Amino acid sequence: MKRILALLMTIAITVGALPPAMAASSSAADGSAVVLPEDVPSPWAIEEVTQAIVLGMVPSNLQSRWRHSVTRIEFAQMVVHFLAFQYGYDDDGSFLGVYCSSALDRDGMPFGNSSSWWNQFCGQLETFRDLAKPEDRGYGNAAYALGIVNGRGAGTFDPNGLITRQEAAAMLMRCYRRYGGAYDAADPSAALTDWNSVADWAQADVAAVLELGVMNGTSETTFGALGTYTREQAVVTLLRLYANGPVSRSNQNLPAM
C-alpha cells in the first residue's frame, strides 16, 4: 500500500507540476523532450498502470522502470502472478500449489502431487541451466510448465532476453487459454499492411489481442510484430486482458480450479 501511495504521489507531483501541454504529451511546447523519472509511467499509461497496481495485478518488485524493455523472466513472473490474481490469490506459491494439483501441464498431462509446487519449480535445475536464482527458476519453470513461455532451445530460458510484440501477443493468449479456453478472432490481414511480417505461429494470437483490444497496432495499418515491448506495456495489456477477455474474474465467470 505504501508503494502504491508513493507512486500516486509521484505521478501527481510530476504531472501536476507540468504545464497542461506537457502533462499530456512526452514533448514540451518548445519541442524538447520531457524527461520523466524512471518510476513514473508514460503519460498514456499512467491511468491503466495505476489501476493495475491498485487491483493487485503487478508484482511489487516490478513497479518501477516502466519504460524499460521487459525481460523474459519479468514477463514470466507477471503472467504467473496474473493467473494467481485471476483466481483470487495474493500469493503466487499458494496459487501454484492448488492449481497444479488439478491442472494439466503444457503437454496435456496431469502435474501430479507435490507438497509444494513452488518449491519444486524453484529447485528444478534440469529444464533450464541459465536460471541461476531460485525465484527465477520458480517463475521460469512455472510459466514454461503451464505452456505460457517457451524456452530458447538447448536448455536455455534466456531470462534477460527481450520480448517482441508478436511474442507478447502469443504469451498473453496462452495465459488466457489457461482459464478462458479457446478464442477465435477474425482475420485482420486486410487491415494491416505488415501482416506478412507476423510469424505464422503468432498470427492467431495477434488477431485475438487486436480484436479484444488488448494490444493496439503501432499505427492504424501496422502491427509492428518485431517491435520491442516495455514493462508498462506488459502491465497495461494484462489489465486489458482482465477487463476485455470474455472469461475473467472481472466477469465473475472463471471456471473453478
C-alpha atoms as a PDB file:
ATOM      1  CA  MET A   1       0.000   0.000   0.000  1.00  0.00           C
ATOM      2  CA  LYS A   2       2.829   2.414   0.839  1.00  0.00           C
ATOM      3  CA  ARG A   3       4.393   1.733  -2.570  1.00  0.00           C
ATOM      4  CA  ILE A   4       1.095   2.423  -4.320  1.00  0.00           C
ATOM      5  CA  LEU A   5       0.593   5.668  -2.441  1.00  0.00           C
ATOM      6  CA  ALA A   6       4.162   6.710  -3.219  1.00  0.00           C
ATOM      7  CA  LEU A   7       3.595   6.040  -6.928  1.00  0.00           C
ATOM      8  CA  LEU A   8       0.364   8.017  -6.935  1.00  0.00           C
ATOM      9  CA  MET A   9       2.000  10.938  -5.157  1.00  0.00           C
ATOM     10  CA  THR A  10       4.970  10.879  -7.542  1.00  0.00           C
ATOM     11  CA  ILE A  11       2.661  10.815 -10.547  1.00  0.00           C
ATOM     12  CA  ALA A  12       0.544  13.639  -9.165  1.00  0.00           C
ATOM     13  CA  ILE A  13       3.562  15.798  -8.336  1.00  0.00           C
ATOM     14  CA  THR A  14       5.352  15.103 -11.640  1.00  0.00           C
ATOM     15  CA  VAL A  15       2.363  15.537 -13.942  1.00  0.00           C
ATOM     16  CA  GLY A  16       0.775  18.290 -11.880  1.00  0.00           C
ATOM     17  CA  ALA A  17       3.939  20.344 -11.976  1.00  0.00           C
ATOM     18  CA  LEU A  18       3.975  20.355 -15.772  1.00  0.00           C
ATOM     19  CA  PRO A  19       2.051  22.838 -17.909  1.00  0.00           C
ATOM     20  CA  PRO A  20      -1.084  21.252 -19.448  1.00  0.00           C
ATOM     21  CA  ALA A  21       0.573  20.753 -22.840  1.00  0.00           C
ATOM     22  CA  MET A  22       3.469  18.906 -21.217  1.00  0.00           C
ATOM     23  CA  ALA A  23       1.372  16.805 -18.861  1.00  0.00           C
ATOM     24  CA  ALA A  24      -0.500  15.256 -21.796  1.00  0.00           C
ATOM     25  CA  SER A  25       2.499  14.790 -24.068  1.00  0.00           C
ATOM     26  CA  SER A  26       6.016  13.461 -23.999  1.00  0.00           C
ATOM     27  CA  SER A  27       7.271  16.659 -25.624  1.00  0.00           C
ATOM     28  CA  ALA A  28       7.451  20.184 -24.266  1.00  0.00           C
ATOM     29  CA  ALA A  29       5.930  23.159 -26.039  1.00  0.00           C
ATOM     30  CA  ASP A  30       9.334  24.131 -27.414  1.00  0.00           C
ATOM     31  CA  GLY A  31       9.803  20.667 -28.913  1.00  0.00           C
ATOM     32  CA  SER A  32      12.273  19.386 -26.327  1.00  0.00           C
ATOM     33  CA  ALA A  33      11.686  16.018 -24.673  1.00  0.00           C
ATOM     34  CA  VAL A  34      10.071  15.816 -21.241  1.00  0.00           C
ATOM     35  CA  VAL A  35      12.216  13.556 -19.064  1.00  0.00           C
ATOM     36  CA  LEU A  36      10.095  11.609 -16.597  1.00  0.00           C
ATOM     37  CA  PRO A  37      11.503   9.827 -13.529  1.00  0.00           C
ATOM     38  CA  GLU A  38      12.040   6.081 -14.008  1.00  0.00           C
ATOM     39  CA  ASP A  39       9.308   5.254 -11.515  1.00  0.00           C
ATOM     40  CA  VAL A  40       6.640   7.254 -13.364  1.00  0.00           C
ATOM     41  CA  PRO A  41       4.864   5.600 -16.330  1.00  0.00           C
ATOM     42  CA  SER A  42       4.455   7.354 -19.669  1.00  0.00           C
ATOM     43  CA  PRO A  43       1.514   9.794 -19.793  1.00  0.00           C
ATOM     44  CA  TRP A  44      -0.570   7.435 -21.948  1.00  0.00           C
ATOM     45  CA  ALA A  45      -0.072   4.557 -19.464  1.00  0.00           C
ATOM     46  CA  ILE A  46      -0.428   6.292 -16.087  1.00  0.00           C
ATOM     47  CA  GLU A  47      -4.129   5.631 -15.550  1.00  0.00           C
ATOM     48  CA  GLU A  48      -4.045   1.950 -16.503  1.00  0.00           C
ATOM     49  CA  VAL A  49      -0.776   1.192 -14.702  1.00  0.00           C
ATOM     50  CA  THR A  50      -2.128   2.794 -11.528  1.00  0.00           C
ATOM     51  CA  GLN A  51      -5.363   0.807 -11.830  1.00  0.00           C
ATOM     52  CA  ALA A  52      -3.438  -2.448 -12.271  1.00  0.00           C
ATOM     53  CA  ILE A  53      -1.348  -1.730  -9.163  1.00  0.00           C
ATOM     54  CA  VAL A  54      -4.393  -0.850  -7.065  1.00  0.00           C
ATOM     55  CA  LEU A  55      -6.099  -4.096  -8.163  1.00  0.00           C
ATOM     56  CA  GLY A  56      -3.037  -6.100  -7.104  1.00  0.00           C
ATOM     57  CA  MET A  57      -2.050  -7.305 -10.568  1.00  0.00           C
ATOM     58  CA  VAL A  58       1.552  -6.056 -10.554  1.00  0.00           C
ATOM     59  CA  PRO A  59       4.307  -7.770  -8.515  1.00  0.00           C
ATOM     60  CA  SER A  60       5.785  -5.241  -6.088  1.00  0.00           C
ATOM     61  CA  ASN A  61       9.345  -5.760  -7.357  1.00  0.00           C
ATOM     62  CA  LEU A  62       8.260  -4.786 -10.893  1.00  0.00           C
ATOM     63  CA  GLN A  63       6.598  -1.477 -10.018  1.00  0.00           C
ATOM     64  CA  SER A  64       9.348   0.711 -11.459  1.00  0.00           C
ATOM     65  CA  ARG A  65      11.421   1.227 -14.635  1.00  0.00           C
ATOM     66  CA  TRP A  66       8.155   1.383 -16.549  1.00  0.00           C
ATOM     67  CA  ARG A  67       9.557   2.469 -19.900  1.00  0.00           C
ATOM     68  CA  HIS A  68      12.379  -0.097 -19.935  1.00  0.00           C
ATOM     69  CA  SER A  69      12.038  -3.192 -22.115  1.00  0.00           C
ATOM     70  CA  VAL A  70      10.520  -6.059 -20.159  1.00  0.00           C
ATOM     71  CA  THR A  71      12.684  -9.187 -19.927  1.00  0.00           C
ATOM     72  CA  ARG A  72      11.520 -12.739 -20.435  1.00  0.00           C
ATOM     73  CA  ILE A  73      11.823 -13.637 -16.747  1.00  0.00           C
ATOM     74  CA  GLU A  74       9.984 -10.468 -15.718  1.00  0.00           C
ATOM     75  CA  PHE A  75       7.145 -11.313 -18.067  1.00  0.00           C
ATOM     76  CA  ALA A  76       7.114 -14.891 -16.770  1.00  0.00           C
ATOM     77  CA  GLN A  77       6.631 -13.531 -13.254  1.00  0.00           C
ATOM     78  CA  MET A  78       3.927 -11.154 -14.460  1.00  0.00           C
ATOM     79  CA  VAL A  79       1.839 -13.859 -16.146  1.00  0.00           C
ATOM     80  CA  VAL A  80       2.113 -16.315 -13.234  1.00  0.00           C
ATOM     81  CA  HIS A  81       1.130 -13.512 -10.840  1.00  0.00           C
ATOM     82  CA  PHE A  82      -1.706 -12.533 -13.201  1.00  0.00           C
ATOM     83  CA  LEU A  83      -3.072 -16.089 -13.151  1.00  0.00           C
ATOM     84  CA  ALA A  84      -2.915 -16.096  -9.363  1.00  0.00           C
ATOM     85  CA  PHE A  85      -4.727 -12.746  -9.306  1.00  0.00           C
ATOM     86  CA  GLN A  86      -7.431 -14.012 -11.659  1.00  0.00           C
ATOM     87  CA  TYR A  87      -8.148 -16.858  -9.248  1.00  0.00           C
ATOM     88  CA  GLY A  88      -8.139 -14.560  -6.222  1.00  0.00           C
ATOM     89  CA  TYR A  89      -4.735 -15.470  -4.769  1.00  0.00           C
ATOM     90  CA  ASP A  90      -2.326 -12.899  -3.338  1.00  0.00           C
ATOM     91  CA  ASP A  91       0.497 -15.416  -3.036  1.00  0.00           C
ATOM     92  CA  ASP A  92       1.824 -16.975  -6.250  1.00  0.00           C
ATOM     93  CA  GLY A  93       3.248 -20.020  -4.490  1.00  0.00           C
ATOM     94  CA  SER A  94      -0.047 -20.829  -2.790  1.00  0.00           C
ATOM     95  CA  PHE A  95      -1.861 -20.462  -6.105  1.00  0.00           C
ATOM     96  CA  LEU A  96       0.507 -22.835  -7.894  1.00  0.00           C
ATOM     97  CA  GLY A  97       0.109 -25.387  -5.114  1.00  0.00           C
ATOM     98  CA  VAL A  98      -3.660 -25.505  -5.595  1.00  0.00           C
ATOM     99  CA  TYR A  99      -3.735 -25.022  -9.362  1.00  0.00           C
ATOM    100  CA  CYS A 100      -1.099 -27.600 -10.317  1.00  0.00           C
ATOM    101  CA  SER A 101      -2.671 -30.270  -8.133  1.00  0.00           C
ATOM    102  CA  SER A 102      -5.629 -30.455 -10.526  1.00  0.00           C
ATOM    103  CA  ALA A 103      -4.406 -28.882 -13.807  1.00  0.00           C
ATOM    104  CA  LEU A 104      -2.709 -30.294 -16.894  1.00  0.00           C
ATOM    105  CA  ASP A 105       0.807 -29.295 -17.903  1.00  0.00           C
ATOM    106  CA  ARG A 106       1.942 -27.945 -21.285  1.00  0.00           C
ATOM    107  CA  ASP A 107       1.875 -31.477 -22.710  1.00  0.00           C
ATOM    108  CA  GLY A 108      -1.666 -32.157 -21.539  1.00  0.00           C
ATOM    109  CA  MET A 109      -0.543 -34.407 -18.695  1.00  0.00           C
ATOM    110  CA  PRO A 110      -1.538 -34.083 -15.017  1.00  0.00           C
ATOM    111  CA  PHE A 111       1.048 -32.310 -12.909  1.00  0.00           C
ATOM    112  CA  GLY A 112       0.574 -34.914 -10.205  1.00  0.00           C
ATOM    113  CA  ASN A 113       1.099 -34.499  -6.493  1.00  0.00           C
ATOM    114  CA  SER A 114       3.635 -32.327  -4.733  1.00  0.00           C
ATOM    115  CA  SER A 115       3.871 -30.976  -1.203  1.00  0.00           C
ATOM    116  CA  SER A 116       4.906 -27.611  -2.691  1.00  0.00           C
ATOM    117  CA  TRP A 117       4.860 -26.926  -6.405  1.00  0.00           C
ATOM    118  CA  TRP A 118       6.543 -23.567  -5.863  1.00  0.00           C
ATOM    119  CA  ASN A 119       9.500 -25.184  -4.102  1.00  0.00           C
ATOM    120  CA  GLN A 120       9.648 -27.835  -6.798  1.00  0.00           C
ATOM    121  CA  PHE A 121       9.765 -25.230  -9.569  1.00  0.00           C
ATOM    122  CA  CYS A 122      12.402 -23.227  -7.663  1.00  0.00           C
ATOM    123  CA  GLY A 123      14.588 -26.296  -7.284  1.00  0.00           C
ATOM    124  CA  GLN A 124      14.147 -27.617 -10.811  1.00  0.00           C
ATOM    125  CA  LEU A 125      17.599 -27.281 -12.391  1.00  0.00           C
ATOM    126  CA  GLU A 126      17.389 -29.675 -15.298  1.00  0.00           C
ATOM    127  CA  THR A 127      14.969 -27.807 -17.569  1.00  0.00           C
ATOM    128  CA  PHE A 128      16.871 -24.518 -17.887  1.00  0.00           C
ATOM    129  CA  ARG A 129      20.506 -24.223 -16.912  1.00  0.00           C
ATOM    130  CA  ASP A 130      20.584 -20.413 -17.171  1.00  0.00           C
ATOM    131  CA  LEU A 131      18.104 -19.684 -14.359  1.00  0.00           C
ATOM    132  CA  ALA A 132      20.603 -19.103 -11.561  1.00  0.00           C
ATOM    133  CA  LYS A 133      18.327 -17.625  -8.890  1.00  0.00           C
ATOM    134  CA  PRO A 134      15.770 -19.888  -7.171  1.00  0.00           C
ATOM    135  CA  GLU A 135      12.978 -17.315  -7.648  1.00  0.00           C
ATOM    136  CA  ASP A 136      13.813 -17.019 -11.357  1.00  0.00           C
ATOM    137  CA  ARG A 137      13.701 -20.801 -11.622  1.00  0.00           C
ATOM    138  CA  GLY A 138      10.341 -20.773  -9.867  1.00  0.00           C
ATOM    139  CA  TYR A 139       8.701 -18.341 -12.258  1.00  0.00           C
ATOM    140  CA  GLY A 140      10.532 -19.532 -15.370  1.00  0.00           C
ATOM    141  CA  ASN A 141       9.772 -23.194 -14.766  1.00  0.00           C
ATOM    142  CA  ALA A 142       6.173 -22.471 -13.763  1.00  0.00           C
ATOM    143  CA  ALA A 143       5.484 -20.312 -16.838  1.00  0.00           C
ATOM    144  CA  TYR A 144       7.090 -22.986 -19.026  1.00  0.00           C
ATOM    145  CA  ALA A 145       5.224 -25.892 -17.391  1.00  0.00           C
ATOM    146  CA  LEU A 146       1.957 -24.001 -17.838  1.00  0.00           C
ATOM    147  CA  GLY A 147       2.717 -23.623 -21.547  1.00  0.00           C
ATOM    148  CA  ILE A 148       2.812 -19.816 -21.470  1.00  0.00           C
ATOM    149  CA  VAL A 149       6.509 -19.099 -22.068  1.00  0.00           C
ATOM    150  CA  ASN A 150       8.737 -21.330 -24.189  1.00  0.00           C
ATOM    151  CA  GLY A 151      12.450 -21.864 -23.798  1.00  0.00           C
ATOM    152  CA  ARG A 152      15.039 -20.686 -26.307  1.00  0.00           C
ATOM    153  CA  GLY A 153      16.303 -24.199 -27.015  1.00  0.00           C
ATOM    154  CA  ALA A 154      19.353 -26.174 -25.848  1.00  0.00           C
ATOM    155  CA  GLY A 155      18.215 -25.995 -22.223  1.00  0.00           C
ATOM    156  CA  THR A 156      18.138 -22.187 -22.053  1.00  0.00           C
ATOM    157  CA  PHE A 157      15.382 -19.849 -20.910  1.00  0.00           C
ATOM    158  CA  ASP A 158      17.219 -16.614 -21.773  1.00  0.00           C
ATOM    159  CA  PRO A 159      15.903 -14.783 -18.692  1.00  0.00           C
ATOM    160  CA  ASN A 160      17.339 -11.397 -19.644  1.00  0.00           C
ATOM    161  CA  GLY A 161      16.283 -11.623 -23.275  1.00  0.00           C
ATOM    162  CA  LEU A 162      13.703  -9.146 -24.519  1.00  0.00           C
ATOM    163  CA  ILE A 163      10.225  -9.777 -25.905  1.00  0.00           C
ATOM    164  CA  THR A 164       8.854  -8.775 -29.279  1.00  0.00           C
ATOM    165  CA  ARG A 165       5.281  -7.633 -29.765  1.00  0.00           C
ATOM    166  CA  GLN A 166       4.284 -10.869 -31.503  1.00  0.00           C
ATOM    167  CA  GLU A 167       5.826 -12.911 -28.667  1.00  0.00           C
ATOM    168  CA  ALA A 168       3.881 -10.826 -26.158  1.00  0.00           C
ATOM    169  CA  ALA A 169       0.651 -11.471 -28.070  1.00  0.00           C
ATOM    170  CA  ALA A 170       1.301 -15.218 -28.057  1.00  0.00           C
ATOM    171  CA  MET A 171       2.128 -15.308 -24.328  1.00  0.00           C
ATOM    172  CA  LEU A 172      -0.915 -13.215 -23.415  1.00  0.00           C
ATOM    173  CA  MET A 173      -3.271 -15.541 -25.276  1.00  0.00           C
ATOM    174  CA  ARG A 174      -1.578 -18.682 -23.932  1.00  0.00           C
ATOM    175  CA  CYS A 175      -2.183 -17.239 -20.488  1.00  0.00           C
ATOM    176  CA  TYR A 176      -5.813 -16.510 -21.387  1.00  0.00           C
ATOM    177  CA  ARG A 177      -6.387 -20.055 -22.639  1.00  0.00           C
ATOM    178  CA  ARG A 178      -5.328 -21.339 -19.215  1.00  0.00           C
ATOM    179  CA  TYR A 179      -8.574 -20.041 -17.721  1.00  0.00           C
ATOM    180  CA  GLY A 180     -10.642 -18.718 -20.635  1.00  0.00           C
ATOM    181  CA  GLY A 181     -10.397 -21.502 -23.189  1.00  0.00           C
ATOM    182  CA  ALA A 182     -10.133 -21.004 -26.939  1.00  0.00           C
ATOM    183  CA  TYR A 183     -10.729 -17.665 -28.606  1.00  0.00           C
ATOM    184  CA  ASP A 184     -11.058 -17.415 -32.380  1.00  0.00           C
ATOM    185  CA  ALA A 185     -10.666 -13.934 -33.869  1.00  0.00           C
ATOM    186  CA  ALA A 186     -11.462 -12.632 -37.322  1.00  0.00           C
ATOM    187  CA  ASP A 187      -8.629 -12.385 -39.850  1.00  0.00           C
ATOM    188  CA  PRO A 188      -7.147  -8.847 -39.619  1.00  0.00           C
ATOM    189  CA  SER A 189      -4.802  -9.234 -42.591  1.00  0.00           C
ATOM    190  CA  ALA A 190      -6.839  -6.967 -44.893  1.00  0.00           C
ATOM    191  CA  ALA A 191      -6.449  -4.037 -42.490  1.00  0.00           C
ATOM    192  CA  LEU A 192      -2.708  -4.459 -41.811  1.00  0.00           C
ATOM    193  CA  THR A 193      -0.075  -3.677 -44.399  1.00  0.00           C
ATOM    194  CA  ASP A 194       2.607  -5.574 -42.431  1.00  0.00           C
ATOM    195  CA  TRP A 195       0.610  -8.734 -41.732  1.00  0.00           C
ATOM    196  CA  ASN A 196       3.085 -10.856 -43.701  1.00  0.00           C
ATOM    197  CA  SER A 197       5.772  -9.913 -41.179  1.00  0.00           C
ATOM    198  CA  VAL A 198       3.814 -11.623 -38.379  1.00  0.00           C
ATOM    199  CA  ALA A 199       5.119 -15.165 -37.909  1.00  0.00           C
ATOM    200  CA  ASP A 200       2.719 -17.984 -38.740  1.00  0.00           C
ATOM    201  CA  TRP A 201       2.837 -19.287 -35.165  1.00  0.00           C
ATOM    202  CA  ALA A 202       1.772 -15.885 -33.801  1.00  0.00           C
ATOM    203  CA  GLN A 203      -0.921 -14.841 -36.276  1.00  0.00           C
ATOM    204  CA  ALA A 204      -3.946 -16.317 -34.471  1.00  0.00           C
ATOM    205  CA  ASP A 205      -2.823 -14.770 -31.182  1.00  0.00           C
ATOM    206  CA  VAL A 206      -2.062 -11.371 -32.744  1.00  0.00           C
ATOM    207  CA  ALA A 207      -5.520 -11.394 -34.322  1.00  0.00           C
ATOM    208  CA  ALA A 208      -7.031 -12.200 -30.920  1.00  0.00           C
ATOM    209  CA  VAL A 209      -5.282  -9.453 -28.936  1.00  0.00           C
ATOM    210  CA  LEU A 210      -6.173  -6.899 -31.602  1.00  0.00           C
ATOM    211  CA  GLU A 211      -9.830  -7.924 -31.721  1.00  0.00           C
ATOM    212  CA  LEU A 212     -10.084  -7.907 -27.915  1.00  0.00           C
ATOM    213  CA  GLY A 213      -8.432  -4.505 -27.665  1.00  0.00           C
ATOM    214  CA  VAL A 214      -5.675  -5.967 -25.508  1.00  0.00           C
ATOM    215  CA  MET A 215      -2.952  -4.674 -27.828  1.00  0.00           C
ATOM    216  CA  ASN A 216      -3.090  -1.889 -30.383  1.00  0.00           C
ATOM    217  CA  GLY A 217      -1.169  -1.627 -33.626  1.00  0.00           C
ATOM    218  CA  THR A 218       1.842   0.643 -33.941  1.00  0.00           C
ATOM    219  CA  SER A 219      -0.338   2.611 -36.380  1.00  0.00           C
ATOM    220  CA  GLU A 220      -3.794   2.237 -37.883  1.00  0.00           C
ATOM    221  CA  THR A 221      -2.421  -0.062 -40.577  1.00  0.00           C
ATOM    222  CA  THR A 222       0.569  -1.796 -38.932  1.00  0.00           C
ATOM    223  CA  PHE A 223       1.084  -4.173 -36.017  1.00  0.00           C
ATOM    224  CA  GLY A 224       4.875  -3.976 -35.695  1.00  0.00           C
ATOM    225  CA  ALA A 225       5.422  -7.650 -34.869  1.00  0.00           C
ATOM    226  CA  LEU A 226       9.143  -7.348 -34.128  1.00  0.00           C
ATOM    227  CA  GLY A 227       8.925  -4.133 -32.144  1.00  0.00           C
ATOM    228  CA  THR A 228      10.044  -4.004 -28.530  1.00  0.00           C
ATOM    229  CA  TYR A 229       7.788  -4.413 -25.509  1.00  0.00           C
ATOM    230  CA  THR A 230       8.127  -2.400 -22.315  1.00  0.00           C
ATOM    231  CA  ARG A 231       7.244  -3.113 -18.707  1.00  0.00           C
ATOM    232  CA  GLU A 232       4.383  -0.608 -18.770  1.00  0.00           C
ATOM    233  CA  GLN A 233       3.027  -2.164 -21.977  1.00  0.00           C
ATOM    234  CA  ALA A 234       3.097  -5.581 -20.308  1.00  0.00           C
ATOM    235  CA  VAL A 235       1.131  -4.288 -17.324  1.00  0.00           C
ATOM    236  CA  VAL A 236      -1.386  -2.397 -19.445  1.00  0.00           C
ATOM    237  CA  THR A 237      -2.075  -5.336 -21.751  1.00  0.00           C
ATOM    238  CA  LEU A 238      -2.577  -7.717 -18.823  1.00  0.00           C
ATOM    239  CA  LEU A 239      -5.057  -5.239 -17.339  1.00  0.00           C
ATOM    240  CA  ARG A 240      -6.903  -5.110 -20.669  1.00  0.00           C
ATOM    241  CA  LEU A 241      -6.912  -8.912 -20.875  1.00  0.00           C
ATOM    242  CA  TYR A 242      -8.551  -8.924 -17.439  1.00  0.00           C
ATOM    243  CA  ALA A 243     -11.063  -6.252 -18.456  1.00  0.00           C
ATOM    244  CA  ASN A 244     -11.812  -7.308 -22.050  1.00  0.00           C
ATOM    245  CA  GLY A 245     -11.481 -11.091 -22.053  1.00  0.00           C
ATOM    246  CA  PRO A 246     -14.863 -12.857 -22.371  1.00  0.00           C
ATOM    247  CA  VAL A 247     -13.859 -15.078 -19.429  1.00  0.00           C
ATOM    248  CA  SER A 248     -12.350 -13.234 -16.484  1.00  0.00           C
ATOM    249  CA  ARG A 249     -12.515 -12.630 -12.774  1.00  0.00           C
ATOM    250  CA  SER A 250     -13.945  -9.235 -13.733  1.00  0.00           C
ATOM    251  CA  ASN A 251     -16.941 -11.035 -15.308  1.00  0.00           C
ATOM    252  CA  GLN A 252     -17.209 -13.476 -12.403  1.00  0.00           C
ATOM    253  CA  ASN A 253     -17.257 -16.422 -14.818  1.00  0.00           C
ATOM    254  CA  LEU A 254     -13.870 -18.029 -14.226  1.00  0.00           C
ATOM    255  CA  PRO A 255     -14.108 -21.843 -14.207  1.00  0.00           C
ATOM    256  CA  ALA A 256     -13.380 -23.484 -10.873  1.00  0.00           C
ATOM    257  CA  MET A 257      -9.935 -24.972 -10.405  1.00  0.00           C
END
